[in-house]
C-alpha atoms as a PDB file:
ATOM      1  CA  MET A   1       2.319  17.814  14.798  1.00  0.00           C
ATOM      2  CA  SER A   2       1.169  19.433  11.465  1.00  0.00           C
ATOM      3  CA  VAL A   3      -0.180  17.160   8.823  1.00  0.00           C
ATOM      4  CA  THR A   4       2.535  17.487   6.667  1.00  0.00           C
ATOM      5  CA  ASP A   5       5.181  16.187   9.329  1.00  0.00           C
ATOM      6  CA  ILE A   6       2.492  13.289   9.839  1.00  0.00           C
ATOM      7  CA  ASP A   7       2.655  12.103   6.112  1.00  0.00           C
ATOM      8  CA  VAL A   8       6.776  13.039   5.921  1.00  0.00           C
ATOM      9  CA  TYR A   9       6.595   9.944   8.398  1.00  0.00           C
ATOM     10  CA  LYS A  10       4.040   7.769   6.594  1.00  0.00           C
ATOM     11  CA  ILE A  11       6.467   8.148   3.822  1.00  0.00           C
ATOM     12  CA  ALA A  12       9.598   7.427   5.800  1.00  0.00           C
ATOM     13  CA  VAL A  13       8.107   4.293   7.659  1.00  0.00           C
ATOM     14  CA  SER A  14       7.211   2.852   4.254  1.00  0.00           C
ATOM     15  CA  MET A  15      10.596   2.947   2.937  1.00  0.00           C
ATOM     16  CA  VAL A  16      12.236   1.082   5.371  1.00  0.00           C
ATOM     17  CA  LYS A  17      13.432  -1.934   3.370  1.00  0.00           C
ATOM     18  CA  GLY A  18      14.284  -5.464   4.302  1.00  0.00           C
ATOM     19  CA  TYR A  19      11.033  -5.965   6.442  1.00  0.00           C
ATOM     20  CA  ARG A  20       7.526  -7.403   5.616  1.00  0.00           C
ATOM     21  CA  CYS A  21       4.669  -4.707   5.635  1.00  0.00           C
ATOM     22  CA  ALA A  22       3.022  -6.905   8.256  1.00  0.00           C
ATOM     23  CA  ASP A  23       5.633  -6.494  10.191  1.00  0.00           C
ATOM     24  CA  ILE A  24       5.961  -2.965   9.860  1.00  0.00           C
ATOM     25  CA  LYS A  25       2.318  -2.439  10.671  1.00  0.00           C
ATOM     26  CA  GLN A  26       2.816  -4.514  13.905  1.00  0.00           C
ATOM     27  CA  PHE A  27       5.406  -2.044  14.923  1.00  0.00           C
ATOM     28  CA  VAL A  28       3.338   1.057  14.083  1.00  0.00           C
ATOM     29  CA  GLU A  29       0.490  -0.283  15.941  1.00  0.00           C
ATOM     30  CA  THR A  30       2.342  -1.172  18.873  1.00  0.00           C
ATOM     31  CA  ALA A  31       3.803   2.470  19.126  1.00  0.00           C
ATOM     32  CA  GLY A  32      -0.136   3.722  18.804  1.00  0.00           C
ATOM     33  CA  GLY A  33       0.703   5.277  15.976  1.00  0.00           C
ATOM     34  CA  VAL A  34       3.151   6.091  13.105  1.00  0.00           C
ATOM     35  CA  VAL A  35       4.487   9.730  14.892  1.00  0.00           C
ATOM     36  CA  GLU A  36       4.528   7.569  18.507  1.00  0.00           C
ATOM     37  CA  LEU A  37       6.918   5.250  16.467  1.00  0.00           C
ATOM     38  CA  PHE A  38       8.949   7.965  15.783  1.00  0.00           C
ATOM     39  CA  GLU A  39       9.342   9.918  18.750  1.00  0.00           C
ATOM     40  CA  ASN A  40       9.318   6.477  20.970  1.00  0.00           C
ATOM     41  CA  ALA A  41      11.633   4.489  18.918  1.00  0.00           C
ATOM     42  CA  GLU A  42      14.123   3.251  21.491  1.00  0.00           C
ATOM     43  CA  GLU A  43      11.191   2.447  23.874  1.00  0.00           C
ATOM     44  CA  VAL A  44       9.124   0.434  20.996  1.00  0.00           C
ATOM     45  CA  ALA A  45      12.527  -1.130  19.768  1.00  0.00           C
ATOM     46  CA  GLU A  46      12.955  -2.604  23.573  1.00  0.00           C
ATOM     47  CA  SER A  47       9.480  -4.567  23.237  1.00  0.00           C
ATOM     48  CA  PHE A  48      10.766  -6.182  19.949  1.00  0.00           C
ATOM     49  CA  GLY A  49      14.159  -7.174  20.857  1.00  0.00           C
ATOM     50  CA  ALA A  50      16.812  -8.359  18.403  1.00  0.00           C
ATOM     51  CA  ALA A  51      14.779  -9.052  15.651  1.00  0.00           C
ATOM     52  CA  ALA A  52      13.976  -5.638  14.920  1.00  0.00           C
ATOM     53  CA  LYS A  53      17.405  -3.873  15.741  1.00  0.00           C
ATOM     54  CA  ASP A  54      17.934  -3.066  11.900  1.00  0.00           C
ATOM     55  CA  PHE A  55      14.459  -1.681  11.562  1.00  0.00           C
ATOM     56  CA  PHE A  56      14.906   0.875  14.245  1.00  0.00           C
ATOM     57  CA  LYS A  57      18.231   1.870  13.762  1.00  0.00           C
ATOM     58  CA  ALA A  58      17.233   2.764   9.551  1.00  0.00           C
ATOM     59  CA  LEU A  59      13.849   4.497  11.081  1.00  0.00           C
ATOM     60  CA  THR A  60      16.315   6.583  13.362  1.00  0.00           C
ATOM     61  CA  ALA A  61      18.799   7.500  10.798  1.00  0.00           C
ATOM     62  CA  PRO A  62      18.678  11.244   9.744  1.00  0.00           C
ATOM     63  CA  ALA A  63      19.211   9.854   5.580  1.00  0.00           C
ATOM     64  CA  LEU A  64      15.500   8.282   6.247  1.00  0.00           C
ATOM     65  CA  LEU A  65      13.285  11.437   6.823  1.00  0.00           C
ATOM     66  CA  GLU A  66      15.470  13.711   4.578  1.00  0.00           C
ATOM     67  CA  SER A  67      14.410  11.409   1.680  1.00  0.00           C
ATOM     68  CA  ALA A  68      11.028  11.178   3.097  1.00  0.00           C
ATOM     69  CA  HIS A  69      10.859  14.814   3.272  1.00  0.00           C
ATOM     70  CA  GLN A  70      12.059  15.018  -0.667  1.00  0.00           C
ATOM     71  CA  GLN A  71       9.140  12.218  -1.590  1.00  0.00           C
ATOM     72  CA  TYR A  72       6.949  14.554   0.388  1.00  0.00           C
ATOM     73  CA  ASP A  73       7.675  17.620  -1.710  1.00  0.00           C
ATOM     74  CA  ILE A  74       7.101  15.443  -5.011  1.00  0.00           C
ATOM     75  CA  VAL A  75       4.130  14.384  -3.433  1.00  0.00           C
ATOM     76  CA  LYS A  76       2.687  17.929  -2.964  1.00  0.00           C
ATOM     77  CA  LYS A  77       4.070  19.074  -6.548  1.00  0.00           C
ATOM     78  CA  PHE A  78       1.630  16.288  -8.525  1.00  0.00           C
ATOM     79  CA  HIS A  79      -1.136  16.503  -5.698  1.00  0.00           C
ATOM     80  CA  THR A  80      -0.624  12.985  -5.021  1.00  0.00           C
ATOM     81  CA  HIS A  81      -2.979  11.465  -2.467  1.00  0.00           C
ATOM     82  CA  LEU A  82      -1.493   9.139   0.151  1.00  0.00           C
ATOM     83  CA  SER A  83      -3.409   6.453   1.897  1.00  0.00           C
ATOM     84  CA  PHE A  84      -1.804   5.259   4.849  1.00  0.00           C
ATOM     85  CA  PHE A  85      -2.674   1.817   6.450  1.00  0.00           C
ATOM     86  CA  THR A  86      -4.482   3.226   9.222  1.00  0.00           C
ATOM     87  CA  ASP A  87      -6.130   5.942   7.236  1.00  0.00           C
ATOM     88  CA  SER A  88      -9.860   5.565   7.173  1.00  0.00           C
ATOM     89  CA  ASP A  89      -9.731   6.102   3.434  1.00  0.00           C
ATOM     90  CA  TYR A  90      -7.333   3.001   3.123  1.00  0.00           C
ATOM     91  CA  PRO A  91      -9.154  -0.033   0.909  1.00  0.00           C
ATOM     92  CA  SER A  92     -11.031  -2.258   3.090  1.00  0.00           C
ATOM     93  CA  LYS A  93     -10.497  -5.157   1.306  1.00  0.00           C
ATOM     94  CA  LEU A  94      -6.670  -4.702   1.564  1.00  0.00           C
ATOM     95  CA  ARG A  95      -6.970  -4.013   5.112  1.00  0.00           C
ATOM     96  CA  ASP A  96      -7.800  -7.455   5.612  1.00  0.00           C
ATOM     97  CA  CYS A  97      -4.961  -8.792   3.852  1.00  0.00           C
ATOM     98  CA  SER A  98      -1.561  -8.873   6.269  1.00  0.00           C
ATOM     99  CA  ASP A  99       0.906  -8.315   3.593  1.00  0.00           C
ATOM    100  CA  SER A 100      -0.879  -5.132   2.021  1.00  0.00           C
ATOM    101  CA  PRO A 101       0.943  -2.042   1.563  1.00  0.00           C
ATOM    102  CA  VAL A 102       1.895   0.242   4.361  1.00  0.00           C
ATOM    103  CA  LEU A 103       1.326   2.967   2.178  1.00  0.00           C
ATOM    104  CA  LEU A 104      -0.658   3.859  -1.104  1.00  0.00           C
ATOM    105  CA  TYR A 105       0.301   6.605  -3.761  1.00  0.00           C
ATOM    106  CA  CYS A 106      -2.650   7.476  -5.754  1.00  0.00           C
ATOM    107  CA  SER A 107      -2.978   9.889  -8.692  1.00  0.00           C
ATOM    108  CA  ARG A 108      -6.296  10.910  -6.720  1.00  0.00           C
ATOM    109  CA  LYS A 109      -8.345  10.310  -3.708  1.00  0.00           C
ATOM    110  CA  PHE A 110     -10.546   7.340  -4.922  1.00  0.00           C
ATOM    111  CA  ASP A 111     -13.121   5.589  -3.053  1.00  0.00           C
ATOM    112  CA  PHE A 112     -12.542   1.858  -3.457  1.00  0.00           C
ATOM    113  CA  ASP A 113     -14.905   0.858  -1.186  1.00  0.00           C
ATOM    114  CA  SER A 114     -17.927   2.412  -3.298  1.00  0.00           C
ATOM    115  CA  TYR A 115     -17.316  -0.145  -6.128  1.00  0.00           C
ATOM    116  CA  PHE A 116     -17.674  -3.680  -6.959  1.00  0.00           C
ATOM    117  CA  VAL A 117     -13.949  -4.205  -7.899  1.00  0.00           C
ATOM    118  CA  LEU A 118     -12.887  -6.616 -10.688  1.00  0.00           C
ATOM    119  CA  SER A 119      -9.649  -7.426 -11.569  1.00  0.00           C
ATOM    120  CA  ILE A 120      -8.749  -8.513 -15.250  1.00  0.00           C
ATOM    121  CA  ILE A 121      -5.279 -10.284 -15.611  1.00  0.00           C
ATOM    122  CA  GLY A 122      -3.782 -12.653 -18.199  1.00  0.00           C
ATOM    123  CA  THR A 123      -0.686 -12.776 -20.547  1.00  0.00           C
ATOM    124  CA  ARG A 124       1.720 -10.387 -21.930  1.00  0.00           C
ATOM    125  CA  LYS A 125       1.307 -11.837 -25.254  1.00  0.00           C
ATOM    126  CA  ALA A 126      -2.240 -11.960 -25.532  1.00  0.00           C
ATOM    127  CA  ASP A 127      -3.767 -12.901 -29.176  1.00  0.00           C
ATOM    128  CA  ASN A 128      -7.003 -11.540 -30.730  1.00  0.00           C
ATOM    129  CA  LEU A 129      -9.158 -14.122 -29.236  1.00  0.00           C
ATOM    130  CA  ALA A 130      -8.351 -12.428 -26.045  1.00  0.00           C
ATOM    131  CA  GLU A 131      -9.224  -9.313 -27.143  1.00  0.00           C
ATOM    132  CA  ARG A 132     -12.517 -10.539 -28.566  1.00  0.00           C
ATOM    133  CA  TYR A 133     -13.322 -12.162 -25.184  1.00  0.00           C
ATOM    134  CA  VAL A 134     -12.750  -9.305 -23.187  1.00  0.00           C
ATOM    135  CA  ASP A 135     -14.547  -6.968 -25.449  1.00  0.00           C
ATOM    136  CA  SER A 136     -17.851  -9.217 -25.347  1.00  0.00           C
ATOM    137  CA  PHE A 137     -17.370  -9.384 -21.543  1.00  0.00           C
ATOM    138  CA  LEU A 138     -17.442  -6.075 -21.066  1.00  0.00           C
ATOM    139  CA  SER A 139     -19.850  -5.116 -23.518  1.00  0.00           C
ATOM    140  CA  GLU A 140     -22.130  -7.442 -21.634  1.00  0.00           C
ATOM    141  CA  LEU A 141     -21.605  -6.608 -18.285  1.00  0.00           C
ATOM    142  CA  SER A 142     -22.117  -2.853 -18.812  1.00  0.00           C
ATOM    143  CA  LYS A 143     -25.713  -3.388 -19.325  1.00  0.00           C
ATOM    144  CA  PHE A 144     -26.219  -4.870 -15.811  1.00  0.00           C
ATOM    145  CA  GLY A 145     -26.369  -1.477 -14.158  1.00  0.00           C
ATOM    146  CA  ARG A 146     -23.607  -2.473 -11.504  1.00  0.00           C
ATOM    147  CA  LYS A 147     -21.437   0.346 -10.341  1.00  0.00           C
ATOM    148  CA  ILE A 148     -17.973  -1.885 -11.380  1.00  0.00           C
ATOM    149  CA  LEU A 149     -14.400  -0.952 -11.088  1.00  0.00           C
ATOM    150  CA  ILE A 150     -12.411  -2.662 -13.455  1.00  0.00           C
ATOM    151  CA  LEU A 151      -8.574  -2.842 -12.028  1.00  0.00           C
ATOM    152  CA  SER A 152      -5.241  -4.249 -14.052  1.00  0.00           C
ATOM    153  CA  GLY A 153      -1.711  -3.629 -13.933  1.00  0.00           C
ATOM    154  CA  LEU A 154      -0.775  -1.400 -16.838  1.00  0.00           C
ATOM    155  CA  ALA A 155       1.210  -4.465 -18.713  1.00  0.00           C
ATOM    156  CA  ASP A 156       1.269  -5.023 -22.093  1.00  0.00           C
ATOM    157  CA  GLY A 157      -1.524  -7.973 -23.558  1.00  0.00           C
ATOM    158  CA  VAL A 158      -4.504  -8.435 -21.584  1.00  0.00           C
ATOM    159  CA  ASP A 159      -3.979  -5.849 -18.883  1.00  0.00           C
ATOM    160  CA  SER A 160      -4.017  -3.087 -21.699  1.00  0.00           C
ATOM    161  CA  ILE A 161      -6.633  -4.975 -23.364  1.00  0.00           C
ATOM    162  CA  ALA A 162      -8.958  -5.012 -20.261  1.00  0.00           C
ATOM    163  CA  HIS A 163      -8.038  -1.055 -19.473  1.00  0.00           C
ATOM    164  CA  LYS A 164      -9.160   0.069 -23.010  1.00  0.00           C
ATOM    165  CA  ALA A 165     -12.346  -1.973 -22.817  1.00  0.00           C
ATOM    166  CA  ALA A 166     -13.046  -0.576 -19.667  1.00  0.00           C
ATOM    167  CA  LEU A 167     -12.812   2.580 -20.977  1.00  0.00           C
ATOM    168  CA  LYS A 168     -14.739   2.259 -23.922  1.00  0.00           C
ATOM    169  CA  TYR A 169     -17.802   0.917 -22.227  1.00  0.00           C
ATOM    170  CA  GLY A 170     -18.009   3.330 -19.558  1.00  0.00           C
ATOM    171  CA  PHE A 171     -16.236   1.771 -16.852  1.00  0.00           C
ATOM    172  CA  ASP A 172     -14.019   3.285 -14.204  1.00  0.00           C
ATOM    173  CA  THR A 173     -10.727   1.426 -14.261  1.00  0.00           C
ATOM    174  CA  VAL A 174      -7.820   1.772 -11.824  1.00  0.00           C
ATOM    175  CA  ALA A 175      -4.261   0.741 -12.797  1.00  0.00           C
ATOM    176  CA  VAL A 176      -1.771  -0.637 -10.412  1.00  0.00           C
ATOM    177  CA  LEU A 177       1.749   0.061 -11.142  1.00  0.00           C
ATOM    178  CA  GLY A 178       5.042  -1.853 -10.455  1.00  0.00           C
ATOM    179  CA  HIS A 179       7.030   1.321 -10.084  1.00  0.00           C
ATOM    180  CA  GLY A 180       6.615   5.062  -9.020  1.00  0.00           C
ATOM    181  CA  PHE A 181       4.878   7.797 -10.811  1.00  0.00           C
ATOM    182  CA  ASP A 182       8.212   9.401 -12.191  1.00  0.00           C
ATOM    183  CA  LYS A 183       7.700   6.728 -14.894  1.00  0.00           C
ATOM    184  CA  ILE A 184       5.427   4.296 -16.704  1.00  0.00           C
ATOM    185  CA  TYR A 185       6.221   0.872 -17.827  1.00  0.00           C
ATOM    186  CA  PRO A 186       6.057   0.269 -20.698  1.00  0.00           C
ATOM    187  CA  TYR A 187       6.568   3.166 -21.895  1.00  0.00           C
ATOM    188  CA  SER A 188       4.587   2.572 -24.882  1.00  0.00           C
ATOM    189  CA  ASN A 189       1.238   2.606 -22.412  1.00  0.00           C
ATOM    190  CA  ARG A 190       1.981   6.402 -21.279  1.00  0.00           C
ATOM    191  CA  GLY A 191      -0.898   7.257 -23.657  1.00  0.00           C
ATOM    192  CA  LEU A 192      -3.127   4.653 -21.970  1.00  0.00           C
ATOM    193  CA  ALA A 193      -1.818   5.484 -18.707  1.00  0.00           C
ATOM    194  CA  SER A 194      -2.815   9.462 -19.276  1.00  0.00           C
ATOM    195  CA  GLN A 195      -6.619   8.382 -20.460  1.00  0.00           C
ATOM    196  CA  ILE A 196      -7.165   6.476 -17.352  1.00  0.00           C
ATOM    197  CA  ARG A 197      -6.234   9.614 -15.272  1.00  0.00           C
ATOM    198  CA  LYS A 198      -8.275  12.079 -17.499  1.00  0.00           C
ATOM    199  CA  SER A 199     -11.421   9.675 -17.033  1.00  0.00           C
ATOM    200  CA  HIS A 200     -12.652   8.638 -13.581  1.00  0.00           C
ATOM    201  CA  GLY A 201     -10.048   6.042 -12.972  1.00  0.00           C
ATOM    202  CA  ALA A 202      -6.789   6.543 -11.244  1.00  0.00           C
ATOM    203  CA  LEU A 203      -3.409   5.183 -11.054  1.00  0.00           C
ATOM    204  CA  ILE A 204      -2.088   3.380  -7.774  1.00  0.00           C
ATOM    205  CA  THR A 205       1.310   2.145  -6.597  1.00  0.00           C
ATOM    206  CA  GLU A 206       3.310   1.470  -3.359  1.00  0.00           C
ATOM    207  CA  PHE A 207       6.624   2.163  -5.088  1.00  0.00           C
ATOM    208  CA  TYR A 208       7.825   5.892  -4.398  1.00  0.00           C
ATOM    209  CA  SER A 209       9.159   7.893  -7.023  1.00  0.00           C
ATOM    210  CA  GLY A 210      12.746   7.038  -8.056  1.00  0.00           C
ATOM    211  CA  TYR A 211      12.307   3.325  -6.632  1.00  0.00           C
ATOM    212  CA  PRO A 212      14.491   1.174  -9.085  1.00  0.00           C
ATOM    213  CA  LEU A 213      12.503  -0.641 -11.956  1.00  0.00           C
ATOM    214  CA  SER A 214      13.045  -4.449 -11.219  1.00  0.00           C
ATOM    215  CA  PRO A 215      11.378  -7.491 -12.086  1.00  0.00           C
ATOM    216  CA  GLU A 216      10.607  -8.107  -8.438  1.00  0.00           C
ATOM    217  CA  ASN A 217       8.433  -5.036  -8.279  1.00  0.00           C
ATOM    218  CA  PHE A 218       5.713  -6.661 -10.314  1.00  0.00           C
ATOM    219  CA  PRO A 219       5.012 -10.127  -8.113  1.00  0.00           C
ATOM    220  CA  GLN A 220       4.614  -7.352  -5.185  1.00  0.00           C
ATOM    221  CA  ARG A 221       2.403  -5.343  -7.263  1.00  0.00           C
ATOM    222  CA  ASN A 222       0.012  -8.024  -8.208  1.00  0.00           C
ATOM    223  CA  ARG A 223      -1.013  -8.956  -4.432  1.00  0.00           C
ATOM    224  CA  ILE A 224      -2.710  -5.263  -4.801  1.00  0.00           C
ATOM    225  CA  VAL A 225      -4.395  -6.547  -8.057  1.00  0.00           C
ATOM    226  CA  ALA A 226      -5.375  -9.658  -5.930  1.00  0.00           C
ATOM    227  CA  GLY A 227      -6.147  -8.122  -2.532  1.00  0.00           C
ATOM    228  CA  LEU A 228      -8.058  -5.177  -3.794  1.00  0.00           C
ATOM    229  CA  CYS A 229     -10.808  -7.112  -5.620  1.00  0.00           C
ATOM    230  CA  ASP A 230     -13.981  -8.575  -5.205  1.00  0.00           C
ATOM    231  CA  ALA A 231     -13.471 -11.003  -8.020  1.00  0.00           C
ATOM    232  CA  LEU A 232     -10.946 -11.882 -10.225  1.00  0.00           C
ATOM    233  CA  LEU A 233     -10.963 -12.695 -13.878  1.00  0.00           C
ATOM    234  CA  VAL A 234      -8.627 -14.801 -15.927  1.00  0.00           C
ATOM    235  CA  VAL A 235      -8.575 -14.045 -19.250  1.00  0.00           C
ATOM    236  CA  GLN A 236      -5.823 -16.204 -21.069  1.00  0.00           C
ATOM    237  CA  THR A 237      -2.365 -17.379 -19.150  1.00  0.00           C
ATOM    238  CA  PRO A 238       0.233 -20.387 -20.421  1.00  0.00           C
ATOM    239  CA  LEU A 239       0.783 -22.427 -17.461  1.00  0.00           C
ATOM    240  CA  HIS A 240       3.717 -20.686 -16.207  1.00  0.00           C
ATOM    241  CA  GLY A 241       3.705 -16.676 -15.187  1.00  0.00           C
ATOM    242  CA  GLY A 242       2.426 -13.815 -13.169  1.00  0.00           C
ATOM    243  CA  SER A 243      -1.014 -14.594 -13.533  1.00  0.00           C
ATOM    244  CA  MET A 244      -1.010 -18.217 -11.586  1.00  0.00           C
ATOM    245  CA  ASN A 245       0.668 -16.393  -8.704  1.00  0.00           C
ATOM    246  CA  THR A 246      -1.962 -13.595  -8.975  1.00  0.00           C
ATOM    247  CA  VAL A 247      -4.834 -16.446  -8.716  1.00  0.00           C
ATOM    248  CA  ALA A 248      -2.947 -18.111  -5.817  1.00  0.00           C
ATOM    249  CA  LEU A 249      -2.774 -14.848  -4.031  1.00  0.00           C
ATOM    250  CA  ALA A 250      -6.501 -14.316  -4.749  1.00  0.00           C
ATOM    251  CA  ASN A 251      -7.499 -17.765  -3.519  1.00  0.00           C
ATOM    252  CA  SER A 252      -5.596 -17.380  -0.277  1.00  0.00           C
ATOM    253  CA  TYR A 253      -7.226 -14.029   0.433  1.00  0.00           C
ATOM    254  CA  GLY A 254     -10.698 -15.671  -0.037  1.00  0.00           C
ATOM    255  CA  ARG A 255     -11.760 -13.712  -3.547  1.00  0.00           C
ATOM    256  CA  GLU A 256     -13.737 -15.019  -6.129  1.00  0.00           C
ATOM    257  CA  VAL A 257     -11.844 -16.361  -9.241  1.00  0.00           C
ATOM    258  CA  PHE A 258     -12.907 -17.174 -12.837  1.00  0.00           C
ATOM    259  CA  ALA A 259     -11.096 -18.052 -16.149  1.00  0.00           C
ATOM    260  CA  PHE A 260     -11.925 -18.245 -19.884  1.00  0.00           C
ATOM    261  CA  PRO A 261     -12.116 -21.698 -21.103  1.00  0.00           C
ATOM    262  CA  GLY A 262      -9.518 -22.157 -24.060  1.00  0.00           C
ATOM    263  CA  ARG A 263      -8.877 -25.224 -26.334  1.00  0.00           C
ATOM    264  CA  PRO A 264      -7.168 -28.013 -24.934  1.00  0.00           C
ATOM    265  CA  ASP A 265      -4.142 -27.414 -27.448  1.00  0.00           C
ATOM    266  CA  ASP A 266      -4.061 -23.786 -26.910  1.00  0.00           C
ATOM    267  CA  GLU A 267      -0.661 -22.907 -24.617  1.00  0.00           C
ATOM    268  CA  LEU A 268      -1.954 -19.555 -23.752  1.00  0.00           C
ATOM    269  CA  PHE A 269      -4.938 -21.000 -22.359  1.00  0.00           C
ATOM    270  CA  ALA A 270      -3.396 -24.004 -20.795  1.00  0.00           C
ATOM    271  CA  GLY A 271      -3.061 -22.006 -17.483  1.00  0.00           C
ATOM    272  CA  CYS A 272      -6.576 -21.005 -17.298  1.00  0.00           C
ATOM    273  CA  ASN A 273      -7.710 -24.957 -18.229  1.00  0.00           C
ATOM    274  CA  ARG A 274      -5.302 -25.804 -15.006  1.00  0.00           C
ATOM    275  CA  LEU A 275      -7.065 -23.492 -12.697  1.00  0.00           C
ATOM    276  CA  ILE A 276     -10.571 -24.832 -13.754  1.00  0.00           C
ATOM    277  CA  ARG A 277      -9.490 -28.369 -13.867  1.00  0.00           C
ATOM    278  CA  ASN A 278      -8.137 -28.191 -10.237  1.00  0.00           C
ATOM    279  CA  ASN A 279     -10.910 -25.779  -8.778  1.00  0.00           C
ATOM    280  CA  ASN A 280      -8.703 -22.722  -8.354  1.00  0.00           C
ATOM    281  CA  ALA A 281     -11.226 -20.877 -10.623  1.00  0.00           C
ATOM    282  CA  ALA A 282     -14.835 -21.241 -11.798  1.00  0.00           C
ATOM    283  CA  ILE A 283     -15.154 -21.559 -15.652  1.00  0.00           C
ATOM    284  CA  LEU A 284     -16.531 -18.407 -17.428  1.00  0.00           C
ATOM    285  CA  ASN A 285     -18.413 -18.107 -20.740  1.00  0.00           C
ATOM    286  CA  SER A 286     -20.149 -15.049 -20.594  1.00  0.00           C
ATOM    287  CA  ALA A 287     -20.785 -12.025 -18.716  1.00  0.00           C
ATOM    288  CA  GLU A 288     -24.463 -13.460 -17.750  1.00  0.00           C
ATOM    289  CA  ASP A 289     -22.414 -16.208 -16.075  1.00  0.00           C
ATOM    290  CA  PHE A 290     -20.109 -14.174 -13.883  1.00  0.00           C
ATOM    291  CA  ALA A 291     -23.880 -12.302 -13.222  1.00  0.00           C
ATOM    292  CA  TYR A 292     -25.186 -15.408 -12.080  1.00  0.00           C
ATOM    293  CA  TYR A 293     -22.068 -16.713 -10.117  1.00  0.00           C
ATOM    294  CA  MET A 294     -22.452 -13.086  -7.869  1.00  0.00           C
ATOM    295  CA  GLY A 295     -25.652 -13.557  -7.446  1.00  0.00           C
ATOM    296  CA  TRP A 296     -27.036 -10.590  -9.722  1.00  0.00           C
ATOM    297  CA  GLY A 297     -29.328 -12.396 -11.679  1.00  0.00           C
ATOM    298  CA  GLY A 298     -29.173 -14.328 -14.921  1.00  0.00           C
ATOM    299  CA  ASN A 299     -29.499 -17.746 -15.917  1.00  0.00           C
ATOM    300  CA  ASP A 300     -30.785 -20.573 -13.894  1.00  0.00           C
END
């Protein structure tokens, strides 16, 4: 069995729709590996019973491997790095999350475990105050001499602000996409994505090329933003939106969560204020505060 064949199997198993990542991982682990899963599909299917019937029917369909071969040709063409959940280079923080992706596509091989990962998130309608907060925070944080990776989702607003400030102050930054590498959304961030790739950063996604762009992709993307980090910072968010859901995920994963406070009458900070009030996020006013919370030294 060649490496190429193994990678095609990894892509194929991740392409089966209608099953949770946790279930697919269990199928692979029960079989003893992804190759064994395909070679012994009927025997493994019997051990799971009727509940997994459709999964193994899809797994043995010739069209699945054909599609996986097409995806692997794209992976090779653009030198994309694959990280399967059983691979040694799969990020350890994601490995601890039962619902983490079966397979990650990365624009280059990237050692997430060598960084302290800080996810920065917030509203797409961020104002100048949010931009000033992020700029000041990362400017100050850059002076602590830590190997910090800034992670966000390449969306408009806070995500874009975070990636740009990370590049400005010398942090490596990674963008988690809600689609495959065949597109960049929003289109206006194509230049920013290129900057990230040309720096020491990367783009990552669980979606294969050609995967339909849908609003449902982005909440799915957000669990990577929450699971891959050591700490998550909410810069600015209203009461409802993706950021609040991402915080809930980060809390469930046991991540450190922080939020910038805002004026009581500012709707764009209503979510941050609620998170702080409900003890779902620690209040943050400066990088010195953050360093103190993380035990890096700082104010008493």
